[in-house]
Amino acid sequence: MKKQKINYRLRRSPVFRKREIVAKRELSFGIKLASRLFLDEMCYEFNKKKYDELVNKAIESNDRERFNELSETYRSFNR
């Protein structure tokens, strides 16, 4: 991955009436992308585990209708 340029946004601090300038570094695209992918993966794993437990409970309780409902939703996690 190419190095991203560091962008600084210069703005005056509202606390000081003088002409002091504060520089704020923005996050690079790579860091934003990596954090987004990590959070998506964590949500995916959590939801898959939850549906897996619900399907297993439906099997144990012999609830065929609930099993069919949950298995339709669970299929999207196995693609």
PDB file of N, CA and C in Angstrom:
ATOM      1  N   MET A   1       0.845  -1.176   0.000  1.00  0.00           N
ATOM      2  CA  MET A   1       0.000   0.000   0.000  1.00  0.00           C
ATOM      3  C   MET A   1       0.887   1.235   0.000  1.00  0.00           C
ATOM      4  N   LYS A   2       0.523   2.197  -0.808  1.00  0.00           N
ATOM      5  CA  LYS A   2       1.290   3.423  -0.881  1.00  0.00           C
ATOM      6  C   LYS A   2       1.164   4.202   0.426  1.00  0.00           C
ATOM      7  N   LYS A   3       2.200   4.966   0.713  1.00  0.00           N
ATOM      8  CA  LYS A   3       2.117   5.829   1.884  1.00  0.00           C
ATOM      9  C   LYS A   3       1.142   6.952   1.598  1.00  0.00           C
ATOM     10  N   GLN A   4       0.302   7.203   2.551  1.00  0.00           N
ATOM     11  CA  GLN A   4      -0.662   8.278   2.403  1.00  0.00           C
ATOM     12  C   GLN A   4      -0.029   9.579   2.866  1.00  0.00           C
ATOM     13  N   LYS A   5      -0.429  10.655   2.247  1.00  0.00           N
ATOM     14  CA  LYS A   5       0.070  11.957   2.656  1.00  0.00           C
ATOM     15  C   LYS A   5      -0.550  12.331   3.990  1.00  0.00           C
ATOM     16  N   ILE A   6       0.207  13.046   4.771  1.00  0.00           N
ATOM     17  CA  ILE A   6      -0.306  13.535   6.044  1.00  0.00           C
ATOM     18  C   ILE A   6      -0.901  14.912   5.806  1.00  0.00           C
ATOM     19  N   ASN A   7      -2.161  15.027   6.076  1.00  0.00           N
ATOM     20  CA  ASN A   7      -2.851  16.299   5.899  1.00  0.00           C
ATOM     21  C   ASN A   7      -3.017  16.966   7.253  1.00  0.00           C
ATOM     22  N   TYR A   8      -2.700  18.212   7.301  1.00  0.00           N
ATOM     23  CA  TYR A   8      -2.906  18.982   8.518  1.00  0.00           C
ATOM     24  C   TYR A   8      -3.974  20.028   8.258  1.00  0.00           C
ATOM     25  N   ARG A   9      -4.880  20.115   9.175  1.00  0.00           N
ATOM     26  CA  ARG A   9      -5.928  21.107   9.067  1.00  0.00           C
ATOM     27  C   ARG A   9      -5.623  22.172  10.109  1.00  0.00           C
ATOM     28  N   LEU A  10      -5.394  23.369   9.672  1.00  0.00           N
ATOM     29  CA  LEU A  10      -5.045  24.451  10.569  1.00  0.00           C
ATOM     30  C   LEU A  10      -6.296  25.234  10.935  1.00  0.00           C
ATOM     31  N   ARG A  11      -6.471  25.441  12.216  1.00  0.00           N
ATOM     32  CA  ARG A  11      -7.609  26.226  12.677  1.00  0.00           C
ATOM     33  C   ARG A  11      -7.234  26.944  13.953  1.00  0.00           C
ATOM     34  N   ARG A  12      -7.910  28.008  14.209  1.00  0.00           N
ATOM     35  CA  ARG A  12      -7.649  28.765  15.421  1.00  0.00           C
ATOM     36  C   ARG A  12      -8.350  28.111  16.598  1.00  0.00           C
ATOM     37  N   SER A  13      -7.692  28.130  17.706  1.00  0.00           N
ATOM     38  CA  SER A  13      -8.297  27.592  18.915  1.00  0.00           C
ATOM     39  C   SER A  13      -9.306  28.605  19.451  1.00  0.00           C
ATOM     40  N   PRO A  14     -10.545  28.182  19.732  1.00  0.00           N
ATOM     41  CA  PRO A  14     -11.550  29.144  20.204  1.00  0.00           C
ATOM     42  C   PRO A  14     -11.283  29.651  21.615  1.00  0.00           C
ATOM     43  N   VAL A  15     -10.441  28.959  22.363  1.00  0.00           N
ATOM     44  CA  VAL A  15     -10.155  29.364  23.737  1.00  0.00           C
ATOM     45  C   VAL A  15      -9.300  30.631  23.765  1.00  0.00           C
ATOM     46  N   PHE A  16      -8.350  30.712  22.836  1.00  0.00           N
ATOM     47  CA  PHE A  16      -7.432  31.842  22.822  1.00  0.00           C
ATOM     48  C   PHE A  16      -7.860  32.862  21.777  1.00  0.00           C
ATOM     49  N   ARG A  17      -7.847  34.109  22.146  1.00  0.00           N
ATOM     50  CA  ARG A  17      -8.183  35.175  21.187  1.00  0.00           C
ATOM     51  C   ARG A  17      -6.947  35.607  20.402  1.00  0.00           C
ATOM     52  N   LYS A  18      -5.784  35.102  20.810  1.00  0.00           N
ATOM     53  CA  LYS A  18      -4.562  35.435  20.093  1.00  0.00           C
ATOM     54  C   LYS A  18      -4.538  34.688  18.771  1.00  0.00           C
ATOM     55  N   ARG A  19      -3.483  34.837  18.044  1.00  0.00           N
ATOM     56  CA  ARG A  19      -3.398  34.205  16.734  1.00  0.00           C
ATOM     57  C   ARG A  19      -2.637  32.879  16.773  1.00  0.00           C
ATOM     58  N   GLU A  20      -2.856  32.110  17.814  1.00  0.00           N
ATOM     59  CA  GLU A  20      -2.213  30.800  17.890  1.00  0.00           C
ATOM     60  C   GLU A  20      -2.965  29.823  16.994  1.00  0.00           C
ATOM     61  N   ILE A  21      -2.218  28.968  16.336  1.00  0.00           N
ATOM     62  CA  ILE A  21      -2.812  28.021  15.394  1.00  0.00           C
ATOM     63  C   ILE A  21      -2.535  26.610  15.895  1.00  0.00           C
ATOM     64  N   VAL A  22      -3.559  25.767  15.824  1.00  0.00           N
ATOM     65  CA  VAL A  22      -3.447  24.374  16.240  1.00  0.00           C
ATOM     66  C   VAL A  22      -3.472  23.499  15.000  1.00  0.00           C
ATOM     67  N   ALA A  23      -2.535  22.583  14.891  1.00  0.00           N
ATOM     68  CA  ALA A  23      -2.502  21.654  13.765  1.00  0.00           C
ATOM     69  C   ALA A  23      -3.024  20.305  14.239  1.00  0.00           C
ATOM     70  N   LYS A  24      -3.939  19.721  13.474  1.00  0.00           N
ATOM     71  CA  LYS A  24      -4.518  18.431  13.830  1.00  0.00           C
ATOM     72  C   LYS A  24      -4.227  17.450  12.707  1.00  0.00           C
ATOM     73  N   ARG A  25      -3.676  16.307  13.056  1.00  0.00           N
ATOM     74  CA  ARG A  25      -3.357  15.296  12.061  1.00  0.00           C
ATOM     75  C   ARG A  25      -4.585  14.432  11.832  1.00  0.00           C
ATOM     76  N   GLU A  26      -4.946  14.249  10.580  1.00  0.00           N
ATOM     77  CA  GLU A  26      -6.067  13.391  10.226  1.00  0.00           C
ATOM     78  C   GLU A  26      -5.571  11.959  10.074  1.00  0.00           C
ATOM     79  N   LEU A  27      -6.442  11.007  10.334  1.00  0.00           N
ATOM     80  CA  LEU A  27      -6.074   9.606  10.188  1.00  0.00           C
ATOM     81  C   LEU A  27      -5.920   9.262   8.712  1.00  0.00           C
ATOM     82  N   SER A  28      -4.962   8.412   8.426  1.00  0.00           N
ATOM     83  CA  SER A  28      -4.744   8.024   7.038  1.00  0.00           C
ATOM     84  C   SER A  28      -5.829   7.051   6.583  1.00  0.00           C
ATOM     85  N   PHE A  29      -5.952   6.930   5.284  1.00  0.00           N
ATOM     86  CA  PHE A  29      -6.954   6.043   4.703  1.00  0.00           C
ATOM     87  C   PHE A  29      -6.722   4.598   5.139  1.00  0.00           C
ATOM     88  N   GLY A  30      -5.477   4.174   5.211  1.00  0.00           N
ATOM     89  CA  GLY A  30      -5.151   2.797   5.598  1.00  0.00           C
ATOM     90  C   GLY A  30      -5.615   2.459   6.997  1.00  0.00           C
ATOM     91  N   ILE A  31      -5.432   3.386   7.920  1.00  0.00           N
ATOM     92  CA  ILE A  31      -5.855   3.153   9.301  1.00  0.00           C
ATOM     93  C   ILE A  31      -7.374   3.100   9.376  1.00  0.00           C
ATOM     94  N   LYS A  32      -8.049   3.993   8.669  1.00  0.00           N
ATOM     95  CA  LYS A  32      -9.509   3.989   8.659  1.00  0.00           C
ATOM     96  C   LYS A  32     -10.043   2.683   8.075  1.00  0.00           C
ATOM     97  N   LEU A  33      -9.447   2.240   6.985  1.00  0.00           N
ATOM     98  CA  LEU A  33      -9.892   1.007   6.337  1.00  0.00           C
ATOM     99  C   LEU A  33      -9.653  -0.203   7.230  1.00  0.00           C
ATOM    100  N   ALA A  34      -8.479  -0.287   7.827  1.00  0.00           N
ATOM    101  CA  ALA A  34      -8.157  -1.422   8.687  1.00  0.00           C
ATOM    102  C   ALA A  34      -9.088  -1.487   9.891  1.00  0.00           C
ATOM    103  N   SER A  35      -9.377  -0.346  10.497  1.00  0.00           N
ATOM    104  CA  SER A  35     -10.267  -0.349  11.652  1.00  0.00           C
ATOM    105  C   SER A  35     -11.683  -0.728  11.248  1.00  0.00           C
ATOM    106  N   ARG A  36     -12.129  -0.270  10.085  1.00  0.00           N
ATOM    107  CA  ARG A  36     -13.474  -0.618   9.602  1.00  0.00           C
ATOM    108  C   ARG A  36     -13.581  -2.112   9.323  1.00  0.00           C
ATOM    109  N   LEU A  37     -12.561  -2.680   8.679  1.00  0.00           N
ATOM    110  CA  LEU A  37     -12.559  -4.117   8.393  1.00  0.00           C
ATOM    111  C   LEU A  37     -12.531  -4.942   9.672  1.00  0.00           C
ATOM    112  N   PHE A  38     -11.763  -4.499  10.658  1.00  0.00           N
ATOM    113  CA  PHE A  38     -11.686  -5.203  11.935  1.00  0.00           C
ATOM    114  C   PHE A  38     -13.047  -5.207  12.630  1.00  0.00           C
ATOM    115  N   LEU A  39     -13.709  -4.045  12.668  1.00  0.00           N
ATOM    116  CA  LEU A  39     -15.023  -3.972  13.314  1.00  0.00           C
ATOM    117  C   LEU A  39     -16.062  -4.803  12.571  1.00  0.00           C
ATOM    118  N   ASP A  40     -16.016  -4.804  11.251  1.00  0.00           N
ATOM    119  CA  ASP A  40     -16.940  -5.620  10.470  1.00  0.00           C
ATOM    120  C   ASP A  40     -16.738  -7.104  10.752  1.00  0.00           C
ATOM    121  N   GLU A  41     -15.491  -7.524  10.829  1.00  0.00           N
ATOM    122  CA  GLU A  41     -15.186  -8.929  11.115  1.00  0.00           C
ATOM    123  C   GLU A  41     -15.666  -9.325  12.510  1.00  0.00           C
ATOM    124  N   MET A  42     -15.478  -8.444  13.482  1.00  0.00           N
ATOM    125  CA  MET A  42     -15.925  -8.737  14.847  1.00  0.00           C
ATOM    126  C   MET A  42     -17.455  -8.862  14.918  1.00  0.00           C
ATOM    127  N   CYS A  43     -18.161  -7.976  14.233  1.00  0.00           N
ATOM    128  CA  CYS A  43     -19.634  -8.046  14.202  1.00  0.00           C
ATOM    129  C   CYS A  43     -20.097  -9.324  13.511  1.00  0.00           C
ATOM    130  N   TYR A  44     -19.437  -9.677  12.424  1.00  0.00           N
ATOM    131  CA  TYR A  44     -19.774 -10.900  11.698  1.00  0.00           C
ATOM    132  C   TYR A  44     -19.609 -12.130  12.591  1.00  0.00           C
ATOM    133  N   GLU A  45     -18.479 -12.221  13.268  1.00  0.00           N
ATOM    134  CA  GLU A  45     -18.225 -13.368  14.146  1.00  0.00           C
ATOM    135  C   GLU A  45     -19.227 -13.432  15.294  1.00  0.00           C
ATOM    136  N   PHE A  46     -19.561 -12.284  15.875  1.00  0.00           N
ATOM    137  CA  PHE A  46     -20.524 -12.243  16.968  1.00  0.00           C
ATOM    138  C   PHE A  46     -21.900 -12.722  16.510  1.00  0.00           C
ATOM    139  N   ASN A  47     -22.360 -12.197  15.374  1.00  0.00           N
ATOM    140  CA  ASN A  47     -23.681 -12.587  14.863  1.00  0.00           C
ATOM    141  C   ASN A  47     -23.730 -14.048  14.445  1.00  0.00           C
ATOM    142  N   LYS A  48     -22.652 -14.544  13.847  1.00  0.00           N
ATOM    143  CA  LYS A  48     -22.602 -15.949  13.447  1.00  0.00           C
ATOM    144  C   LYS A  48     -22.684 -16.852  14.667  1.00  0.00           C
ATOM    145  N   LYS A  49     -21.966 -16.511  15.701  1.00  0.00           N
ATOM    146  CA  LYS A  49     -21.985 -17.312  16.925  1.00  0.00           C
ATOM    147  C   LYS A  49     -23.377 -17.290  17.563  1.00  0.00           C
ATOM    148  N   LYS A  50     -24.020 -16.114  17.555  1.00  0.00           N
ATOM    149  CA  LYS A  50     -25.358 -15.990  18.142  1.00  0.00           C
ATOM    150  C   LYS A  50     -26.358 -16.863  17.389  1.00  0.00           C
ATOM    151  N   TYR A  51     -26.343 -16.798  16.045  1.00  0.00           N
ATOM    152  CA  TYR A  51     -27.272 -17.610  15.264  1.00  0.00           C
ATOM    153  C   TYR A  51     -26.961 -19.087  15.383  1.00  0.00           C
ATOM    154  N   ASP A  52     -25.700 -19.433  15.511  1.00  0.00           N
ATOM    155  CA  ASP A  52     -25.318 -20.831  15.698  1.00  0.00           C
ATOM    156  C   ASP A  52     -25.922 -21.377  16.989  1.00  0.00           C
ATOM    157  N   GLU A  53     -25.843 -20.605  18.064  1.00  0.00           N
ATOM    158  CA  GLU A  53     -26.427 -21.027  19.339  1.00  0.00           C
ATOM    159  C   GLU A  53     -27.947 -21.146  19.248  1.00  0.00           C
ATOM    160  N   LEU A  54     -28.586 -20.183  18.562  1.00  0.00           N
ATOM    161  CA  LEU A  54     -30.043 -20.236  18.426  1.00  0.00           C
ATOM    162  C   LEU A  54     -30.495 -21.442  17.600  1.00  0.00           C
ATOM    163  N   VAL A  55     -29.757 -21.763  16.538  1.00  0.00           N
ATOM    164  CA  VAL A  55     -30.094 -22.933  15.720  1.00  0.00           C
ATOM    165  C   VAL A  55     -29.933 -24.198  16.534  1.00  0.00           C
ATOM    166  N   ASN A  56     -28.866 -24.286  17.317  1.00  0.00           N
ATOM    167  CA  ASN A  56     -28.654 -25.470  18.153  1.00  0.00           C
ATOM    168  C   ASN A  56     -29.756 -25.628  19.198  1.00  0.00           C
ATOM    169  N   LYS A  57     -30.214 -24.525  19.781  1.00  0.00           N
ATOM    170  CA  LYS A  57     -31.317 -24.600  20.748  1.00  0.00           C
ATOM    171  C   LYS A  57     -32.602 -25.061  20.083  1.00  0.00           C
ATOM    172  N   ALA A  58     -32.850 -24.603  18.857  1.00  0.00           N
ATOM    173  CA  ALA A  58     -34.045 -25.029  18.131  1.00  0.00           C
ATOM    174  C   ALA A  58     -33.993 -26.523  17.821  1.00  0.00           C
ATOM    175  N   ILE A  59     -32.808 -27.025  17.507  1.00  0.00           N
ATOM    176  CA  ILE A  59     -32.645 -28.460  17.245  1.00  0.00           C
ATOM    177  C   ILE A  59     -32.894 -29.257  18.518  1.00  0.00           C
ATOM    178  N   GLU A  60     -32.336 -28.797  19.632  1.00  0.00           N
ATOM    179  CA  GLU A  60     -32.508 -29.502  20.911  1.00  0.00           C
ATOM    180  C   GLU A  60     -33.965 -29.532  21.359  1.00  0.00           C
ATOM    181  N   SER A  61     -34.705 -28.464  21.070  1.00  0.00           N
ATOM    182  CA  SER A  61     -36.106 -28.395  21.519  1.00  0.00           C
ATOM    183  C   SER A  61     -37.077 -28.942  20.461  1.00  0.00           C
ATOM    184  N   ASN A  62     -36.558 -29.488  19.364  1.00  0.00           N
ATOM    185  CA  ASN A  62     -37.367 -30.064  18.284  1.00  0.00           C
ATOM    186  C   ASN A  62     -38.388 -29.076  17.726  1.00  0.00           C
ATOM    187  N   ASP A  63     -38.008 -27.806  17.632  1.00  0.00           N
ATOM    188  CA  ASP A  63     -38.867 -26.762  17.068  1.00  0.00           C
ATOM    189  C   ASP A  63     -38.503 -26.579  15.600  1.00  0.00           C
ATOM    190  N   ARG A  64     -39.241 -27.301  14.742  1.00  0.00           N
ATOM    191  CA  ARG A  64     -38.914 -27.330  13.318  1.00  0.00           C
ATOM    192  C   ARG A  64     -39.145 -25.974  12.651  1.00  0.00           C
ATOM    193  N   GLU A  65     -40.189 -25.262  13.001  1.00  0.00           N
ATOM    194  CA  GLU A  65     -40.483 -23.962  12.399  1.00  0.00           C
ATOM    195  C   GLU A  65     -39.394 -22.938  12.741  1.00  0.00           C
ATOM    196  N   ARG A  66     -39.010 -22.908  13.997  1.00  0.00           N
ATOM    197  CA  ARG A  66     -37.958 -21.977  14.432  1.00  0.00           C
ATOM    198  C   ARG A  66     -36.630 -22.318  13.761  1.00  0.00           C
ATOM    199  N   PHE A  67     -36.363 -23.634  13.645  1.00  0.00           N
ATOM    200  CA  PHE A  67     -35.136 -24.075  12.987  1.00  0.00           C
ATOM    201  C   PHE A  67     -35.105 -23.606  11.531  1.00  0.00           C
ATOM    202  N   ASN A  68     -36.211 -23.760  10.810  1.00  0.00           N
ATOM    203  CA  ASN A  68     -36.264 -23.332   9.407  1.00  0.00           C
ATOM    204  C   ASN A  68     -36.073 -21.819   9.282  1.00  0.00           C
ATOM    205  N   GLU A  69     -36.685 -21.061  10.194  1.00  0.00           N
ATOM    206  CA  GLU A  69     -36.517 -19.601  10.204  1.00  0.00           C
ATOM    207  C   GLU A  69     -35.055 -19.207  10.379  1.00  0.00           C
ATOM    208  N   LEU A  70     -34.457 -19.778  11.411  1.00  0.00           N
ATOM    209  CA  LEU A  70     -33.075 -19.423  11.746  1.00  0.00           C
ATOM    210  C   LEU A  70     -32.078 -19.935  10.711  1.00  0.00           C
ATOM    211  N   SER A  71     -32.345 -21.090  10.148  1.00  0.00           N
ATOM    212  CA  SER A  71     -31.391 -21.635   9.176  1.00  0.00           C
ATOM    213  C   SER A  71     -31.360 -20.801   7.898  1.00  0.00           C
ATOM    214  N   GLU A  72     -32.500 -20.189   7.528  1.00  0.00           N
ATOM    215  CA  GLU A  72     -32.509 -19.287   6.378  1.00  0.00           C
ATOM    216  C   GLU A  72     -31.594 -18.084   6.619  1.00  0.00           C
ATOM    217  N   THR A  73     -31.663 -17.513   7.815  1.00  0.00           N
ATOM    218  CA  THR A  73     -30.809 -16.378   8.148  1.00  0.00           C
ATOM    219  C   THR A  73     -29.351 -16.807   8.282  1.00  0.00           C
ATOM    220  N   TYR A  74     -29.143 -17.989   8.844  1.00  0.00           N
ATOM    221  CA  TYR A  74     -27.787 -18.481   9.079  1.00  0.00           C
ATOM    222  C   TYR A  74     -27.046 -18.790   7.771  1.00  0.00           C
ATOM    223  N   ARG A  75     -27.783 -19.095   6.712  1.00  0.00           N
ATOM    224  CA  ARG A  75     -27.143 -19.410   5.432  1.00  0.00           C
ATOM    225  C   ARG A  75     -26.307 -18.267   4.902  1.00  0.00           C
ATOM    226  N   SER A  76     -26.703 -17.044   5.199  1.00  0.00           N
ATOM    227  CA  SER A  76     -25.929 -15.896   4.714  1.00  0.00           C
ATOM    228  C   SER A  76     -24.542 -15.828   5.352  1.00  0.00           C
ATOM    229  N   PHE A  77     -24.369 -16.455   6.507  1.00  0.00           N
ATOM    230  CA  PHE A  77     -23.070 -16.455   7.176  1.00  0.00           C
ATOM    231  C   PHE A  77     -22.133 -17.523   6.615  1.00  0.00           C
ATOM    232  N   ASN A  78     -22.659 -18.477   5.896  1.00  0.00           N
ATOM    233  CA  ASN A  78     -21.845 -19.580   5.385  1.00  0.00           C
ATOM    234  C   ASN A  78     -21.466 -19.433   3.924  1.00  0.00           C
ATOM    235  N   ARG A  79     -21.735 -18.303   3.330  1.00  0.00           N
ATOM    236  CA  ARG A  79     -21.403 -18.103   1.917  1.00  0.00           C
ATOM    237  C   ARG A  79     -20.006 -17.612   1.749  1.00  0.00           C
TER     238      ARG A  79
END
